[in-house]
Amino acid sequence: MANIKEYVNETVNELVHKVSWPTWSELQNSSVVVLVTSLIIALLVWVMDITFGINTWSWKGVLGMIYDLL
């Protein structure tokens, strides 16, 4: 039981005194970067889906339309 108590005390000590926590503005900036990056990646995936086809009966994608013309 003493080992568990010591472990908890050391964990609390490390979180309070040794961890560098971000400021509120740093946290907001990082969140905006993650949001913008996620939106860009989602847009790229959407464009690739439209370009290469979604495998539906009505839309074959841009490449599917080119292949049909050839």
N, C-alpha and C. Protein backbone atom coordinates (compact mmCIF):
# COMPACT_ATOMS: atom_id res chain seq x y z
N MET A 1 0.82 -1.19 0.00
CA MET A 1 0.00 0.00 0.00
C MET A 1 0.87 1.26 0.00
N ALA A 2 2.03 1.18 0.63
CA ALA A 2 2.92 2.34 0.69
C ALA A 2 3.44 2.69 -0.70
N ASN A 3 3.66 1.66 -1.54
CA ASN A 3 4.16 1.91 -2.88
C ASN A 3 3.13 2.68 -3.73
N ILE A 4 1.87 2.36 -3.56
CA ILE A 4 0.81 3.04 -4.30
C ILE A 4 0.73 4.50 -3.86
N LYS A 5 0.81 4.72 -2.54
CA LYS A 5 0.75 6.08 -2.01
C LYS A 5 1.94 6.90 -2.50
N GLU A 6 3.12 6.30 -2.51
CA GLU A 6 4.31 6.99 -3.00
C GLU A 6 4.19 7.30 -4.49
N TYR A 7 3.65 6.35 -5.25
CA TYR A 7 3.46 6.56 -6.68
C TYR A 7 2.53 7.74 -6.96
N VAL A 8 1.41 7.80 -6.22
CA VAL A 8 0.46 8.90 -6.40
C VAL A 8 1.10 10.22 -6.01
N ASN A 9 1.82 10.26 -4.92
CA ASN A 9 2.48 11.50 -4.49
C ASN A 9 3.50 11.98 -5.52
N GLU A 10 4.30 11.06 -6.07
CA GLU A 10 5.29 11.44 -7.08
C GLU A 10 4.61 11.91 -8.37
N THR A 11 3.51 11.28 -8.72
CA THR A 11 2.77 11.68 -9.92
C THR A 11 2.22 13.09 -9.76
N VAL A 12 1.61 13.37 -8.63
CA VAL A 12 1.07 14.71 -8.38
C VAL A 12 2.19 15.74 -8.37
N ASN A 13 3.30 15.42 -7.73
CA ASN A 13 4.45 16.33 -7.68
C ASN A 13 4.96 16.64 -9.08
N GLU A 14 5.06 15.61 -9.93
CA GLU A 14 5.56 15.83 -11.29
C GLU A 14 4.58 16.68 -12.10
N LEU A 15 3.28 16.41 -11.98
CA LEU A 15 2.29 17.18 -12.73
C LEU A 15 2.23 18.64 -12.28
N VAL A 16 2.47 18.89 -11.01
CA VAL A 16 2.37 20.25 -10.48
C VAL A 16 3.66 21.05 -10.72
N HIS A 17 4.81 20.42 -10.54
CA HIS A 17 6.06 21.17 -10.53
C HIS A 17 6.93 20.98 -11.77
N LYS A 18 6.80 19.88 -12.50
CA LYS A 18 7.73 19.61 -13.59
C LYS A 18 7.12 19.72 -14.98
N VAL A 19 5.81 19.63 -15.08
CA VAL A 19 5.16 19.68 -16.38
C VAL A 19 4.97 21.13 -16.80
N SER A 20 5.27 21.40 -18.06
CA SER A 20 5.08 22.73 -18.62
C SER A 20 3.71 22.79 -19.29
N TRP A 21 2.77 23.46 -18.67
CA TRP A 21 1.41 23.55 -19.21
C TRP A 21 1.31 24.75 -20.13
N PRO A 22 0.59 24.62 -21.25
CA PRO A 22 0.45 25.75 -22.17
C PRO A 22 -0.44 26.84 -21.59
N THR A 23 -0.19 28.06 -22.05
CA THR A 23 -1.08 29.16 -21.64
C THR A 23 -2.37 29.04 -22.45
N TRP A 24 -3.36 29.84 -22.05
CA TRP A 24 -4.66 29.79 -22.72
C TRP A 24 -4.52 30.20 -24.19
N SER A 25 -3.72 31.20 -24.48
CA SER A 25 -3.57 31.65 -25.87
C SER A 25 -2.81 30.61 -26.70
N GLU A 26 -1.80 29.95 -26.11
CA GLU A 26 -1.09 28.88 -26.83
C GLU A 26 -2.04 27.73 -27.15
N LEU A 27 -2.90 27.41 -26.20
CA LEU A 27 -3.87 26.33 -26.40
C LEU A 27 -4.86 26.69 -27.51
N GLN A 28 -5.31 27.92 -27.54
CA GLN A 28 -6.23 28.36 -28.59
C GLN A 28 -5.54 28.33 -29.95
N ASN A 29 -4.31 28.80 -30.03
CA ASN A 29 -3.58 28.79 -31.30
C ASN A 29 -3.37 27.37 -31.81
N SER A 30 -3.01 26.47 -30.92
CA SER A 30 -2.82 25.08 -31.31
C SER A 30 -4.13 24.46 -31.79
N SER A 31 -5.22 24.80 -31.14
CA SER A 31 -6.52 24.27 -31.54
C SER A 31 -6.91 24.77 -32.93
N VAL A 32 -6.62 26.02 -33.23
CA VAL A 32 -6.91 26.57 -34.55
C VAL A 32 -6.08 25.87 -35.61
N VAL A 33 -4.81 25.61 -35.31
CA VAL A 33 -3.94 24.91 -36.26
C VAL A 33 -4.48 23.51 -36.55
N VAL A 34 -4.90 22.80 -35.51
CA VAL A 34 -5.46 21.46 -35.69
C VAL A 34 -6.75 21.51 -36.50
N LEU A 35 -7.61 22.47 -36.23
CA LEU A 35 -8.86 22.60 -36.96
C LEU A 35 -8.63 22.89 -38.43
N VAL A 36 -7.76 23.83 -38.74
CA VAL A 36 -7.48 24.20 -40.13
C VAL A 36 -6.84 23.02 -40.87
N THR A 37 -5.89 22.35 -40.23
CA THR A 37 -5.24 21.19 -40.85
C THR A 37 -6.25 20.08 -41.12
N SER A 38 -7.15 19.83 -40.18
CA SER A 38 -8.17 18.80 -40.37
C SER A 38 -9.09 19.15 -41.53
N LEU A 39 -9.47 20.41 -41.64
CA LEU A 39 -10.33 20.82 -42.75
C LEU A 39 -9.62 20.68 -44.09
N ILE A 40 -8.35 21.03 -44.15
CA ILE A 40 -7.59 20.90 -45.40
C ILE A 40 -7.48 19.43 -45.81
N ILE A 41 -7.19 18.56 -44.86
CA ILE A 41 -7.07 17.13 -45.18
C ILE A 41 -8.42 16.58 -45.62
N ALA A 42 -9.51 16.98 -44.96
CA ALA A 42 -10.84 16.53 -45.36
C ALA A 42 -11.17 17.01 -46.77
N LEU A 43 -10.81 18.24 -47.09
CA LEU A 43 -11.05 18.76 -48.43
C LEU A 43 -10.25 17.99 -49.47
N LEU A 44 -8.99 17.67 -49.17
CA LEU A 44 -8.18 16.88 -50.10
C LEU A 44 -8.77 15.49 -50.33
N VAL A 45 -9.24 14.85 -49.29
CA VAL A 45 -9.86 13.53 -49.43
C VAL A 45 -11.13 13.63 -50.26
N TRP A 46 -11.93 14.67 -50.04
CA TRP A 46 -13.15 14.88 -50.82
C TRP A 46 -12.84 15.08 -52.29
N VAL A 47 -11.81 15.88 -52.58
CA VAL A 47 -11.41 16.11 -53.98
C VAL A 47 -10.94 14.81 -54.61
N MET A 48 -10.18 14.01 -53.88
CA MET A 48 -9.74 12.72 -54.43
C MET A 48 -10.92 11.79 -54.68
N ASP A 49 -11.92 11.80 -53.79
CA ASP A 49 -13.13 10.99 -54.00
C ASP A 49 -13.85 11.42 -55.28
N ILE A 50 -14.00 12.71 -55.47
CA ILE A 50 -14.68 13.21 -56.66
C ILE A 50 -13.86 12.89 -57.91
N THR A 51 -12.55 13.04 -57.84
CA THR A 51 -11.70 12.83 -59.01
C THR A 51 -11.64 11.36 -59.41
N PHE A 52 -11.43 10.48 -58.46
CA PHE A 52 -11.22 9.08 -58.77
C PHE A 52 -12.51 8.26 -58.72
N GLY A 53 -13.61 8.85 -58.34
CA GLY A 53 -14.89 8.15 -58.35
C GLY A 53 -15.26 7.65 -56.98
N ILE A 54 -16.54 7.69 -56.72
CA ILE A 54 -17.07 7.26 -55.43
C ILE A 54 -17.68 5.87 -55.54
N ASN A 55 -17.68 5.29 -56.74
CA ASN A 55 -18.24 3.97 -56.99
C ASN A 55 -19.75 3.93 -56.76
N THR A 56 -20.43 4.93 -57.22
CA THR A 56 -21.89 4.89 -57.22
C THR A 56 -22.35 4.67 -58.64
N TRP A 57 -23.60 4.35 -58.82
CA TRP A 57 -24.11 4.06 -60.16
C TRP A 57 -24.21 5.31 -61.02
N SER A 58 -24.29 6.49 -60.41
CA SER A 58 -24.48 7.70 -61.20
C SER A 58 -23.21 8.50 -61.43
N TRP A 59 -22.20 8.32 -60.64
CA TRP A 59 -20.99 9.13 -60.77
C TRP A 59 -19.77 8.22 -60.75
N LYS A 60 -19.00 8.27 -61.81
CA LYS A 60 -17.80 7.45 -61.92
C LYS A 60 -16.55 8.24 -61.63
N GLY A 61 -16.68 9.51 -61.37
CA GLY A 61 -15.53 10.36 -61.14
C GLY A 61 -15.02 10.93 -62.45
N VAL A 62 -14.12 11.86 -62.36
CA VAL A 62 -13.55 12.51 -63.54
C VAL A 62 -12.81 11.49 -64.39
N LEU A 63 -12.03 10.61 -63.77
CA LEU A 63 -11.31 9.60 -64.53
C LEU A 63 -12.27 8.64 -65.21
N GLY A 64 -13.35 8.28 -64.55
CA GLY A 64 -14.35 7.40 -65.16
C GLY A 64 -14.98 8.04 -66.39
N MET A 65 -15.22 9.31 -66.32
CA MET A 65 -15.79 10.02 -67.48
C MET A 65 -14.79 10.05 -68.63
N ILE A 66 -13.51 10.25 -68.33
CA ILE A 66 -12.48 10.24 -69.37
C ILE A 66 -12.37 8.86 -70.00
N TYR A 67 -12.41 7.82 -69.17
CA TYR A 67 -12.33 6.46 -69.70
C TYR A 67 -13.51 6.14 -70.60
N ASP A 68 -14.70 6.64 -70.24
CA ASP A 68 -15.88 6.42 -71.07
C ASP A 68 -15.74 7.11 -72.43
N LEU A 69 -15.08 8.25 -72.46
CA LEU A 69 -14.89 8.97 -73.73
C LEU A 69 -13.89 8.24 -74.62
N LEU A 70 -12.94 7.57 -74.03
CA LEU A 70 -11.93 6.86 -74.81
C LEU A 70 -12.49 5.54 -75.22
